[in-house]
Amino acid sequence: MSPSAALASDVFRIFVLLTTGVMVIGGAIVSVIRFGFAKDVSHAWDSYRGWLVMIPIIGASLFAGREVAICFFGIVALIAFIEYARATGLHRDLTKTYIVLAGIVGISVLAILREPANGAGLYPPFVAIPAFVSAALVLASILRNQPEGQLKAIALALFGFVYIGWMFGHLALLANTRNSYGYLLYLIFAVELNDVAAYTCGKLFGRRPLCTNVSPWKTREGALGAVVISALFPLAVRFALPGFSIVECVLAGLIVGIGGHLGDLSISVIKRDVGVKVMGTLIRGHGGVFDRIDSLIYAAPLFFYFARYAEGS
């Protein structure tokens, strides 16, 4: 990944045009509904304006090269974990919070270091890093010599690291693969398409709730429609997944469809338990960074390991 490689990449150029087209059409639709029909679309408008900021930042990070992209993913994970720590109260234990933040930085460092021939980065230590973070969290409690309340703090910190740092960190590993632009752009675009499809199908066909106590507005019909659309989408962008058979393309789409829903519902469980509506307010119309990356958290590792299988590595 580099600026010259991006300019030479058909995949990068096509996704830039595809994203631009979607944003133009989406903006036109929202504008017509807002100004032509005088309907209240304030939430959709705020969401659209949020994307007008996020898309250039994501695109510029990928365009700038492998190291910048990995650093960008690391910064996103750091911000998301800080939001999580504040929402759960973990931020009051600064030692454990800093240990997890250091672990997230470590993941980015491992990904940036020169990758071996298989293109997976320093994969063995990446897999092992949760064990080292676990040991550091327990050691901190031992040195503190105050066992009361430590189990909850350790559990919160370790879950936050594995969930936000390690699972989301698989995006950095995808930046080290031979087909980095194809995999990353497909995954990011497909995850957002899955979210939009779930919302649209739910509004049009939704009748039966999916998980009333976790996410009351989600429906079974919306979830099923999104999974079907996600399964078909890779067939339309097979240029981004060279070497994938038709069956493997469909499976890759199912991974995004199912993984995206798992991520979205998982963060809903956390928010319901701690009693917050959104994890942050950094992104207008979207909430916090954690709210925005929730669907990627499950999809990223599932897709990474499936891509390794499909490549035969």
C-alpha atoms as a PDB file:
ATOM      1  CA  MET A   1       0.000   0.000   0.000  1.00  0.00           C
ATOM      2  CA  SER A   2       1.293   3.410  -1.038  1.00  0.00           C
ATOM      3  CA  PRO A   3       0.024   6.504  -2.908  1.00  0.00           C
ATOM      4  CA  SER A   4       1.510   5.223  -6.151  1.00  0.00           C
ATOM      5  CA  ALA A   5      -0.021   1.787  -5.607  1.00  0.00           C
ATOM      6  CA  ALA A   6      -3.398   3.352  -4.874  1.00  0.00           C
ATOM      7  CA  LEU A   7      -3.313   5.405  -8.066  1.00  0.00           C
ATOM      8  CA  ALA A   8      -2.381   2.291 -10.037  1.00  0.00           C
ATOM      9  CA  SER A   9      -5.022   0.122  -8.368  1.00  0.00           C
ATOM     10  CA  ASP A  10      -8.221  -0.445 -10.322  1.00  0.00           C
ATOM     11  CA  VAL A  11      -9.862  -1.608  -7.100  1.00  0.00           C
ATOM     12  CA  PHE A  12      -9.046   1.631  -5.297  1.00  0.00           C
ATOM     13  CA  ARG A  13     -10.227   3.800  -8.179  1.00  0.00           C
ATOM     14  CA  ILE A  14     -13.473   1.872  -8.651  1.00  0.00           C
ATOM     15  CA  PHE A  15     -14.349   2.042  -4.954  1.00  0.00           C
ATOM     16  CA  VAL A  16     -13.633   5.781  -4.924  1.00  0.00           C
ATOM     17  CA  LEU A  17     -16.065   6.237  -7.819  1.00  0.00           C
ATOM     18  CA  LEU A  18     -18.595   3.871  -6.231  1.00  0.00           C
ATOM     19  CA  THR A  19     -18.466   5.677  -2.885  1.00  0.00           C
ATOM     20  CA  THR A  20     -18.698   9.087  -4.544  1.00  0.00           C
ATOM     21  CA  GLY A  21     -21.706   7.977  -6.558  1.00  0.00           C
ATOM     22  CA  VAL A  22     -23.470   6.591  -3.493  1.00  0.00           C
ATOM     23  CA  MET A  23     -22.852   9.812  -1.551  1.00  0.00           C
ATOM     24  CA  VAL A  24     -24.102  12.011  -4.409  1.00  0.00           C
ATOM     25  CA  ILE A  25     -27.260   9.937  -4.863  1.00  0.00           C
ATOM     26  CA  GLY A  26     -27.823   9.704  -1.117  1.00  0.00           C
ATOM     27  CA  GLY A  27     -27.393  13.434  -0.670  1.00  0.00           C
ATOM     28  CA  ALA A  28     -29.798  14.123  -3.516  1.00  0.00           C
ATOM     29  CA  ILE A  29     -32.448  11.835  -2.032  1.00  0.00           C
ATOM     30  CA  VAL A  30     -32.178  13.362   1.431  1.00  0.00           C
ATOM     31  CA  SER A  31     -32.264  16.880  -0.048  1.00  0.00           C
ATOM     32  CA  VAL A  32     -35.378  16.158  -2.117  1.00  0.00           C
ATOM     33  CA  ILE A  33     -37.183  14.681   0.879  1.00  0.00           C
ATOM     34  CA  ARG A  34     -36.088  17.544   3.122  1.00  0.00           C
ATOM     35  CA  PHE A  35     -36.642  20.523   0.844  1.00  0.00           C
ATOM     36  CA  GLY A  36     -39.005  19.175  -1.812  1.00  0.00           C
ATOM     37  CA  PHE A  37     -41.451  17.358   0.481  1.00  0.00           C
ATOM     38  CA  ALA A  38     -40.714  19.354   3.653  1.00  0.00           C
ATOM     39  CA  LYS A  39     -40.184  16.201   5.693  1.00  0.00           C
ATOM     40  CA  ASP A  40     -38.158  16.012   8.875  1.00  0.00           C
ATOM     41  CA  VAL A  41     -35.024  14.068   7.966  1.00  0.00           C
ATOM     42  CA  SER A  42     -32.773  15.702  10.534  1.00  0.00           C
ATOM     43  CA  HIS A  43     -31.317  12.399  11.722  1.00  0.00           C
ATOM     44  CA  ALA A  44     -30.576  11.225   8.178  1.00  0.00           C
ATOM     45  CA  TRP A  45     -29.116  14.643   7.341  1.00  0.00           C
ATOM     46  CA  ASP A  46     -26.816  14.589  10.381  1.00  0.00           C
ATOM     47  CA  SER A  47     -25.749  11.043   9.507  1.00  0.00           C
ATOM     48  CA  TYR A  48     -25.023  12.092   5.923  1.00  0.00           C
ATOM     49  CA  ARG A  49     -22.950  15.059   7.069  1.00  0.00           C
ATOM     50  CA  GLY A  50     -21.036  12.736   9.360  1.00  0.00           C
ATOM     51  CA  TRP A  51     -20.158  10.551   6.389  1.00  0.00           C
ATOM     52  CA  LEU A  52     -18.976  13.618   4.473  1.00  0.00           C
ATOM     53  CA  VAL A  53     -16.267  13.927   7.128  1.00  0.00           C
ATOM     54  CA  MET A  54     -15.511  10.239   7.720  1.00  0.00           C
ATOM     55  CA  ILE A  55     -15.179   9.094   4.107  1.00  0.00           C
ATOM     56  CA  PRO A  56     -12.380  11.520   3.159  1.00  0.00           C
ATOM     57  CA  ILE A  57     -10.478  10.643   6.353  1.00  0.00           C
ATOM     58  CA  ILE A  58     -10.753   6.896   5.712  1.00  0.00           C
ATOM     59  CA  GLY A  59      -9.922   7.292   2.031  1.00  0.00           C
ATOM     60  CA  ALA A  60      -6.905   9.507   2.731  1.00  0.00           C
ATOM     61  CA  SER A  61      -5.598   7.035   5.329  1.00  0.00           C
ATOM     62  CA  LEU A  62      -5.763   4.132   2.895  1.00  0.00           C
ATOM     63  CA  PHE A  63      -4.315   6.232   0.076  1.00  0.00           C
ATOM     64  CA  ALA A  64      -1.352   7.397   2.188  1.00  0.00           C
ATOM     65  CA  GLY A  65       0.022   3.870   2.569  1.00  0.00           C
ATOM     66  CA  ARG A  66       0.251   0.801   4.773  1.00  0.00           C
ATOM     67  CA  GLU A  67       1.881   2.465   7.780  1.00  0.00           C
ATOM     68  CA  VAL A  68      -0.559   5.387   7.834  1.00  0.00           C
ATOM     69  CA  ALA A  69      -3.547   3.060   7.447  1.00  0.00           C
ATOM     70  CA  ILE A  70      -2.381   0.873  10.333  1.00  0.00           C
ATOM     71  CA  CYS A  71      -1.776   3.930  12.530  1.00  0.00           C
ATOM     72  CA  PHE A  72      -5.247   5.178  11.622  1.00  0.00           C
ATOM     73  CA  PHE A  73      -6.855   1.885  12.659  1.00  0.00           C
ATOM     74  CA  GLY A  74      -4.854   2.023  15.897  1.00  0.00           C
ATOM     75  CA  ILE A  75      -6.034   5.565  16.678  1.00  0.00           C
ATOM     76  CA  VAL A  76      -9.627   4.545  15.994  1.00  0.00           C
ATOM     77  CA  ALA A  77      -9.250   1.612  18.406  1.00  0.00           C
ATOM     78  CA  LEU A  78      -7.699   3.847  21.079  1.00  0.00           C
ATOM     79  CA  ILE A  79     -10.569   6.343  20.868  1.00  0.00           C
ATOM     80  CA  ALA A  80     -13.171   3.560  20.888  1.00  0.00           C
ATOM     81  CA  PHE A  81     -11.606   1.976  23.981  1.00  0.00           C
ATOM     82  CA  ILE A  82     -11.505   5.310  25.810  1.00  0.00           C
ATOM     83  CA  GLU A  83     -15.237   5.694  25.086  1.00  0.00           C
ATOM     84  CA  TYR A  84     -15.811   2.166  26.373  1.00  0.00           C
ATOM     85  CA  ALA A  85     -13.743   2.810  29.511  1.00  0.00           C
ATOM     86  CA  ARG A  86     -15.710   5.957  30.322  1.00  0.00           C
ATOM     87  CA  ALA A  87     -19.075   4.281  29.730  1.00  0.00           C
ATOM     88  CA  THR A  88     -18.253   1.258  31.905  1.00  0.00           C
ATOM     89  CA  GLY A  89     -16.395   3.153  34.635  1.00  0.00           C
ATOM     90  CA  LEU A  90     -13.112   1.406  33.889  1.00  0.00           C
ATOM     91  CA  HIS A  91     -11.463   4.806  33.376  1.00  0.00           C
ATOM     92  CA  ARG A  92     -11.383   5.217  37.147  1.00  0.00           C
ATOM     93  CA  ASP A  93      -8.752   2.457  37.244  1.00  0.00           C
ATOM     94  CA  LEU A  94      -6.024   4.276  35.373  1.00  0.00           C
ATOM     95  CA  THR A  95      -3.470   1.469  35.659  1.00  0.00           C
ATOM     96  CA  LYS A  96      -5.629  -1.072  33.859  1.00  0.00           C
ATOM     97  CA  THR A  97      -6.795   1.503  31.358  1.00  0.00           C
ATOM     98  CA  TYR A  98      -3.203   2.387  30.466  1.00  0.00           C
ATOM     99  CA  ILE A  99      -2.264  -1.296  30.180  1.00  0.00           C
ATOM    100  CA  VAL A 100      -4.989  -1.833  27.581  1.00  0.00           C
ATOM    101  CA  LEU A 101      -4.051   1.343  25.727  1.00  0.00           C
ATOM    102  CA  ALA A 102      -0.445   0.124  25.637  1.00  0.00           C
ATOM    103  CA  GLY A 103      -1.655  -3.227  24.307  1.00  0.00           C
ATOM    104  CA  ILE A 104      -3.574  -1.520  21.495  1.00  0.00           C
ATOM    105  CA  VAL A 105      -0.468   0.463  20.579  1.00  0.00           C
ATOM    106  CA  GLY A 106       1.475  -2.810  20.634  1.00  0.00           C
ATOM    107  CA  ILE A 107      -0.916  -4.318  18.104  1.00  0.00           C
ATOM    108  CA  SER A 108      -0.276  -1.429  15.717  1.00  0.00           C
ATOM    109  CA  VAL A 109       3.478  -1.738  16.187  1.00  0.00           C
ATOM    110  CA  LEU A 110       3.382  -5.462  15.441  1.00  0.00           C
ATOM    111  CA  ALA A 111       1.349  -4.810  12.306  1.00  0.00           C
ATOM    112  CA  ILE A 112       3.655  -2.046  11.085  1.00  0.00           C
ATOM    113  CA  LEU A 113       6.871  -4.041  11.515  1.00  0.00           C
ATOM    114  CA  ARG A 114       8.115  -5.588   8.280  1.00  0.00           C
ATOM    115  CA  GLU A 115       5.829  -8.420   7.288  1.00  0.00           C
ATOM    116  CA  PRO A 116       7.146 -11.874   6.386  1.00  0.00           C
ATOM    117  CA  ALA A 117       6.580 -13.571   3.058  1.00  0.00           C
ATOM    118  CA  ASN A 118       3.075 -14.753   3.888  1.00  0.00           C
ATOM    119  CA  GLY A 119       1.920 -11.139   4.126  1.00  0.00           C
ATOM    120  CA  ALA A 120       0.285 -11.499   7.547  1.00  0.00           C
ATOM    121  CA  GLY A 121       2.624  -9.281   9.530  1.00  0.00           C
ATOM    122  CA  LEU A 122       4.131 -10.555  12.778  1.00  0.00           C
ATOM    123  CA  TYR A 123       1.194 -12.912  13.108  1.00  0.00           C
ATOM    124  CA  PRO A 124       2.320 -15.253  15.963  1.00  0.00           C
ATOM    125  CA  PRO A 125       2.929 -12.438  18.492  1.00  0.00           C
ATOM    126  CA  PHE A 126      -0.311 -10.776  17.333  1.00  0.00           C
ATOM    127  CA  VAL A 127      -2.204 -13.935  18.271  1.00  0.00           C
ATOM    128  CA  ALA A 128      -0.361 -14.169  21.588  1.00  0.00           C
ATOM    129  CA  ILE A 129      -0.697 -10.558  22.712  1.00  0.00           C
ATOM    130  CA  PRO A 130      -4.010 -11.078  24.608  1.00  0.00           C
ATOM    131  CA  ALA A 131      -2.141 -13.489  26.911  1.00  0.00           C
ATOM    132  CA  PHE A 132       0.480 -10.848  27.710  1.00  0.00           C
ATOM    133  CA  VAL A 133      -2.142  -8.173  28.328  1.00  0.00           C
ATOM    134  CA  SER A 134      -4.019 -10.603  30.603  1.00  0.00           C
ATOM    135  CA  ALA A 135      -0.857 -11.280  32.574  1.00  0.00           C
ATOM    136  CA  ALA A 136      -0.123  -7.551  32.887  1.00  0.00           C
ATOM    137  CA  LEU A 137      -3.633  -6.837  34.164  1.00  0.00           C
ATOM    138  CA  VAL A 138      -3.405  -9.546  36.820  1.00  0.00           C
ATOM    139  CA  LEU A 139       0.118  -8.496  37.790  1.00  0.00           C
ATOM    140  CA  ALA A 140      -1.099  -4.936  38.307  1.00  0.00           C
ATOM    141  CA  SER A 141      -3.716  -6.216  40.739  1.00  0.00           C
ATOM    142  CA  ILE A 142      -1.125  -8.330  42.569  1.00  0.00           C
ATOM    143  CA  LEU A 143       1.248  -5.405  42.959  1.00  0.00           C
ATOM    144  CA  ARG A 144      -1.607  -3.253  44.213  1.00  0.00           C
ATOM    145  CA  ASN A 145      -2.163  -5.825  47.001  1.00  0.00           C
ATOM    146  CA  GLN A 146      -5.862  -4.952  47.161  1.00  0.00           C
ATOM    147  CA  PRO A 147      -7.900  -7.852  45.731  1.00  0.00           C
ATOM    148  CA  GLU A 148     -11.323  -6.327  46.407  1.00  0.00           C
ATOM    149  CA  GLY A 149     -13.087  -5.395  43.168  1.00  0.00           C
ATOM    150  CA  GLN A 150     -10.196  -6.472  40.977  1.00  0.00           C
ATOM    151  CA  LEU A 151     -11.997  -9.285  39.169  1.00  0.00           C
ATOM    152  CA  LYS A 152     -14.571  -6.909  37.697  1.00  0.00           C
ATOM    153  CA  ALA A 153     -11.908  -4.417  36.634  1.00  0.00           C
ATOM    154  CA  ILE A 154      -9.749  -7.138  35.063  1.00  0.00           C
ATOM    155  CA  ALA A 155     -12.751  -8.592  33.229  1.00  0.00           C
ATOM    156  CA  LEU A 156     -13.807  -5.177  31.893  1.00  0.00           C
ATOM    157  CA  ALA A 157     -10.282  -4.321  30.797  1.00  0.00           C
ATOM    158  CA  LEU A 158      -9.555  -7.685  29.177  1.00  0.00           C
ATOM    159  CA  PHE A 159     -12.874  -7.760  27.348  1.00  0.00           C
ATOM    160  CA  GLY A 160     -12.284  -4.228  26.099  1.00  0.00           C
ATOM    161  CA  PHE A 161      -8.836  -5.139  24.831  1.00  0.00           C
ATOM    162  CA  VAL A 162      -9.867  -8.351  23.086  1.00  0.00           C
ATOM    163  CA  TYR A 163     -13.038  -6.835  21.659  1.00  0.00           C
ATOM    164  CA  ILE A 164     -11.809  -3.408  20.567  1.00  0.00           C
ATOM    165  CA  GLY A 165      -8.043  -3.798  20.386  1.00  0.00           C
ATOM    166  CA  TRP A 166      -7.470  -7.343  19.175  1.00  0.00           C
ATOM    167  CA  MET A 167     -10.578  -8.154  17.124  1.00  0.00           C
ATOM    168  CA  PHE A 168     -10.776  -4.763  15.440  1.00  0.00           C
ATOM    169  CA  GLY A 169      -6.984  -4.913  15.060  1.00  0.00           C
ATOM    170  CA  HIS A 170      -7.384  -7.537  12.351  1.00  0.00           C
ATOM    171  CA  LEU A 171      -8.002  -4.637   9.968  1.00  0.00           C
ATOM    172  CA  ALA A 172      -4.318  -3.821  10.412  1.00  0.00           C
ATOM    173  CA  LEU A 173      -3.432  -7.373   9.384  1.00  0.00           C
ATOM    174  CA  LEU A 174      -5.556  -6.993   6.266  1.00  0.00           C
ATOM    175  CA  ALA A 175      -3.423  -3.956   5.397  1.00  0.00           C
ATOM    176  CA  ASN A 176      -0.445  -6.342   5.201  1.00  0.00           C
ATOM    177  CA  THR A 177      -2.009  -8.784   2.764  1.00  0.00           C
ATOM    178  CA  ARG A 178      -1.221  -8.941  -0.946  1.00  0.00           C
ATOM    179  CA  ASN A 179      -4.743  -7.776  -1.790  1.00  0.00           C
ATOM    180  CA  SER A 180      -4.919  -5.110   0.895  1.00  0.00           C
ATOM    181  CA  TYR A 181      -6.958  -2.569  -1.071  1.00  0.00           C
ATOM    182  CA  GLY A 182      -9.450  -5.166  -2.237  1.00  0.00           C
ATOM    183  CA  TYR A 183      -9.960  -6.698   1.187  1.00  0.00           C
ATOM    184  CA  LEU A 184     -10.118  -3.465   3.182  1.00  0.00           C
ATOM    185  CA  LEU A 185     -12.301  -1.517   0.769  1.00  0.00           C
ATOM    186  CA  TYR A 186     -14.643  -4.457   0.267  1.00  0.00           C
ATOM    187  CA  LEU A 187     -14.967  -5.085   4.001  1.00  0.00           C
ATOM    188  CA  ILE A 188     -15.546  -1.453   5.001  1.00  0.00           C
ATOM    189  CA  PHE A 189     -18.033  -0.838   2.177  1.00  0.00           C
ATOM    190  CA  ALA A 190     -19.841  -4.156   2.720  1.00  0.00           C
ATOM    191  CA  VAL A 191     -20.244  -3.590   6.462  1.00  0.00           C
ATOM    192  CA  GLU A 192     -21.839  -0.192   5.908  1.00  0.00           C
ATOM    193  CA  LEU A 193     -24.042  -1.614   3.148  1.00  0.00           C
ATOM    194  CA  ASN A 194     -25.152  -4.307   5.602  1.00  0.00           C
ATOM    195  CA  ASP A 195     -26.166  -1.651   8.148  1.00  0.00           C
ATOM    196  CA  VAL A 196     -28.106   0.347   5.553  1.00  0.00           C
ATOM    197  CA  ALA A 197     -29.782  -2.804   4.201  1.00  0.00           C
ATOM    198  CA  ALA A 198     -30.845  -3.878   7.695  1.00  0.00           C
ATOM    199  CA  TYR A 199     -32.388  -0.456   8.358  1.00  0.00           C
ATOM    200  CA  THR A 200     -34.105  -0.259   4.961  1.00  0.00           C
ATOM    201  CA  CYS A 201     -35.452  -3.819   4.982  1.00  0.00           C
ATOM    202  CA  GLY A 202     -36.604  -3.361   8.547  1.00  0.00           C
ATOM    203  CA  LYS A 203     -38.526  -0.195   7.641  1.00  0.00           C
ATOM    204  CA  LEU A 204     -40.099  -1.753   4.554  1.00  0.00           C
ATOM    205  CA  PHE A 205     -40.809  -5.305   5.674  1.00  0.00           C
ATOM    206  CA  GLY A 206     -40.145  -5.447   9.427  1.00  0.00           C
ATOM    207  CA  ARG A 207     -42.879  -7.093  11.458  1.00  0.00           C
ATOM    208  CA  ARG A 208     -41.292  -9.332  14.074  1.00  0.00           C
ATOM    209  CA  PRO A 209     -38.719  -7.953  16.539  1.00  0.00           C
ATOM    210  CA  LEU A 210     -35.305  -9.584  16.643  1.00  0.00           C
ATOM    211  CA  CYS A 211     -34.179  -8.919  20.236  1.00  0.00           C
ATOM    212  CA  THR A 212     -36.662  -6.727  22.053  1.00  0.00           C
ATOM    213  CA  ASN A 213     -34.618  -6.151  25.202  1.00  0.00           C
ATOM    214  CA  VAL A 214     -31.305  -5.655  23.396  1.00  0.00           C
ATOM    215  CA  SER A 215     -32.255  -3.621  20.319  1.00  0.00           C
ATOM    216  CA  PRO A 216     -36.026  -2.958  20.160  1.00  0.00           C
ATOM    217  CA  TRP A 217     -36.002  -1.436  16.676  1.00  0.00           C
ATOM    218  CA  LYS A 218     -34.296  -4.334  14.913  1.00  0.00           C
ATOM    219  CA  THR A 219     -36.504  -6.865  13.165  1.00  0.00           C
ATOM    220  CA  ARG A 220     -36.009 -10.399  11.897  1.00  0.00           C
ATOM    221  CA  GLU A 221     -37.024  -9.326   8.409  1.00  0.00           C
ATOM    222  CA  GLY A 222     -34.480  -6.501   8.451  1.00  0.00           C
ATOM    223  CA  ALA A 223     -31.721  -8.823   9.609  1.00  0.00           C
ATOM    224  CA  LEU A 224     -32.592 -11.479   7.023  1.00  0.00           C
ATOM    225  CA  GLY A 225     -32.789  -8.947   4.207  1.00  0.00           C
ATOM    226  CA  ALA A 226     -29.408  -7.508   5.160  1.00  0.00           C
ATOM    227  CA  VAL A 227     -27.795 -10.960   5.253  1.00  0.00           C
ATOM    228  CA  VAL A 228     -29.175 -11.795   1.797  1.00  0.00           C
ATOM    229  CA  ILE A 229     -27.969  -8.489   0.313  1.00  0.00           C
ATOM    230  CA  SER A 230     -24.570  -8.914   1.984  1.00  0.00           C
ATOM    231  CA  ALA A 231     -24.267 -12.434   0.569  1.00  0.00           C
ATOM    232  CA  LEU A 232     -24.935 -11.188  -2.962  1.00  0.00           C
ATOM    233  CA  PHE A 233     -22.793  -8.044  -2.824  1.00  0.00           C
ATOM    234  CA  PRO A 234     -19.409  -9.822  -3.270  1.00  0.00           C
ATOM    235  CA  LEU A 235     -20.639 -11.233  -6.565  1.00  0.00           C
ATOM    236  CA  ALA A 236     -21.044  -7.665  -7.819  1.00  0.00           C
ATOM    237  CA  VAL A 237     -17.522  -6.687  -6.732  1.00  0.00           C
ATOM    238  CA  ARG A 238     -15.584  -9.843  -7.558  1.00  0.00           C
ATOM    239  CA  PHE A 239     -12.801  -7.623  -8.909  1.00  0.00           C
ATOM    240  CA  ALA A 240     -11.998  -6.824  -5.255  1.00  0.00           C
ATOM    241  CA  LEU A 241     -11.768 -10.490  -4.284  1.00  0.00           C
ATOM    242  CA  PRO A 242      -9.527 -12.119  -6.909  1.00  0.00           C
ATOM    243  CA  GLY A 243      -9.136 -15.831  -6.458  1.00  0.00           C
ATOM    244  CA  PHE A 244     -12.443 -16.205  -4.632  1.00  0.00           C
ATOM    245  CA  SER A 245     -14.834 -18.687  -6.208  1.00  0.00           C
ATOM    246  CA  ILE A 246     -18.544 -17.908  -6.419  1.00  0.00           C
ATOM    247  CA  VAL A 247     -19.180 -19.987  -3.306  1.00  0.00           C
ATOM    248  CA  GLU A 248     -16.354 -18.261  -1.439  1.00  0.00           C
ATOM    249  CA  CYS A 249     -17.739 -14.860  -2.449  1.00  0.00           C
ATOM    250  CA  VAL A 250     -21.135 -15.766  -1.022  1.00  0.00           C
ATOM    251  CA  LEU A 251     -19.516 -17.063   2.161  1.00  0.00           C
ATOM    252  CA  ALA A 252     -17.515 -13.841   2.476  1.00  0.00           C
ATOM    253  CA  GLY A 253     -20.783 -11.918   2.186  1.00  0.00           C
ATOM    254  CA  LEU A 254     -22.432 -14.093   4.835  1.00  0.00           C
ATOM    255  CA  ILE A 255     -19.508 -13.408   7.147  1.00  0.00           C
ATOM    256  CA  VAL A 256     -20.125  -9.676   6.816  1.00  0.00           C
ATOM    257  CA  GLY A 257     -23.901 -10.036   7.134  1.00  0.00           C
ATOM    258  CA  ILE A 258     -23.814 -12.226  10.221  1.00  0.00           C
ATOM    259  CA  GLY A 259     -20.689 -10.712  11.763  1.00  0.00           C
ATOM    260  CA  GLY A 260     -22.025  -7.191  11.312  1.00  0.00           C
ATOM    261  CA  HIS A 261     -25.212  -8.053  13.169  1.00  0.00           C
ATOM    262  CA  LEU A 262     -23.282  -9.737  15.977  1.00  0.00           C
ATOM    263  CA  GLY A 263     -21.133  -6.659  16.417  1.00  0.00           C
ATOM    264  CA  ASP A 264     -24.105  -4.320  16.397  1.00  0.00           C
ATOM    265  CA  LEU A 265     -26.071  -6.406  18.889  1.00  0.00           C
ATOM    266  CA  SER A 266     -23.029  -6.870  21.122  1.00  0.00           C
ATOM    267  CA  ILE A 267     -22.516  -3.154  21.597  1.00  0.00           C
ATOM    268  CA  SER A 268     -26.264  -2.835  22.231  1.00  0.00           C
ATOM    269  CA  VAL A 269     -25.910  -5.325  25.092  1.00  0.00           C
ATOM    270  CA  ILE A 270     -23.089  -3.242  26.574  1.00  0.00           C
ATOM    271  CA  LYS A 271     -24.983   0.040  26.211  1.00  0.00           C
ATOM    272  CA  ARG A 272     -28.159  -1.397  27.718  1.00  0.00           C
ATOM    273  CA  ASP A 273     -26.242  -2.800  30.656  1.00  0.00           C
ATOM    274  CA  VAL A 274     -24.390   0.430  31.470  1.00  0.00           C
ATOM    275  CA  GLY A 275     -27.424   2.597  30.694  1.00  0.00           C
ATOM    276  CA  VAL A 276     -26.169   4.767  27.852  1.00  0.00           C
ATOM    277  CA  LYS A 277     -27.718   5.464  24.451  1.00  0.00           C
ATOM    278  CA  VAL A 278     -24.451   6.124  22.612  1.00  0.00           C
ATOM    279  CA  MET A 279     -20.830   5.582  23.587  1.00  0.00           C
ATOM    280  CA  GLY A 280     -19.758   9.081  22.566  1.00  0.00           C
ATOM    281  CA  THR A 281     -20.587  12.204  20.598  1.00  0.00           C
ATOM    282  CA  LEU A 282     -17.487  12.626  18.454  1.00  0.00           C
ATOM    283  CA  ILE A 283     -19.169  11.839  15.128  1.00  0.00           C
ATOM    284  CA  ARG A 284     -22.209  13.923  14.288  1.00  0.00           C
ATOM    285  CA  GLY A 285     -25.233  11.789  13.542  1.00  0.00           C
ATOM    286  CA  HIS A 286     -23.451   8.571  14.517  1.00  0.00           C
ATOM    287  CA  GLY A 287     -22.547   8.889  18.186  1.00  0.00           C
ATOM    288  CA  GLY A 288     -19.072   7.799  19.185  1.00  0.00           C
ATOM    289  CA  VAL A 289     -16.303   5.985  17.359  1.00  0.00           C
ATOM    290  CA  PHE A 290     -17.224   2.764  19.157  1.00  0.00           C
ATOM    291  CA  ASP A 291     -20.802   3.111  17.902  1.00  0.00           C
ATOM    292  CA  ARG A 292     -19.498   3.475  14.333  1.00  0.00           C
ATOM    293  CA  ILE A 293     -17.090   0.517  14.290  1.00  0.00           C
ATOM    294  CA  ASP A 294     -19.298  -1.972  16.132  1.00  0.00           C
ATOM    295  CA  SER A 295     -20.211  -3.962  13.006  1.00  0.00           C
ATOM    296  CA  LEU A 296     -16.566  -4.188  11.934  1.00  0.00           C
ATOM    297  CA  ILE A 297     -15.437  -5.706  15.224  1.00  0.00           C
ATOM    298  CA  TYR A 298     -16.754  -9.198  14.470  1.00  0.00           C
ATOM    299  CA  ALA A 299     -16.552  -8.965  10.687  1.00  0.00           C
ATOM    300  CA  ALA A 300     -12.838  -8.047  10.605  1.00  0.00           C
ATOM    301  CA  PRO A 301     -11.370 -11.190  12.241  1.00  0.00           C
ATOM    302  CA  LEU A 302     -13.900 -13.521  10.622  1.00  0.00           C
ATOM    303  CA  PHE A 303     -13.147 -12.122   7.174  1.00  0.00           C
ATOM    304  CA  PHE A 304      -9.380 -12.099   7.782  1.00  0.00           C
ATOM    305  CA  TYR A 305      -9.238 -15.787   8.654  1.00  0.00           C
ATOM    306  CA  PHE A 306     -11.575 -16.693   5.831  1.00  0.00           C
ATOM    307  CA  ALA A 307      -9.390 -14.752   3.376  1.00  0.00           C
ATOM    308  CA  ARG A 308      -6.337 -16.665   4.632  1.00  0.00           C
ATOM    309  CA  TYR A 309      -8.228 -19.896   4.040  1.00  0.00           C
ATOM    310  CA  ALA A 310      -9.352 -18.799   0.562  1.00  0.00           C
ATOM    311  CA  GLU A 311      -5.773 -17.837  -0.323  1.00  0.00           C
ATOM    312  CA  GLY A 312      -4.552 -21.169   0.949  1.00  0.00           C
ATOM    313  CA  SER A 313      -2.136 -19.590   3.458  1.00  0.00           C
END
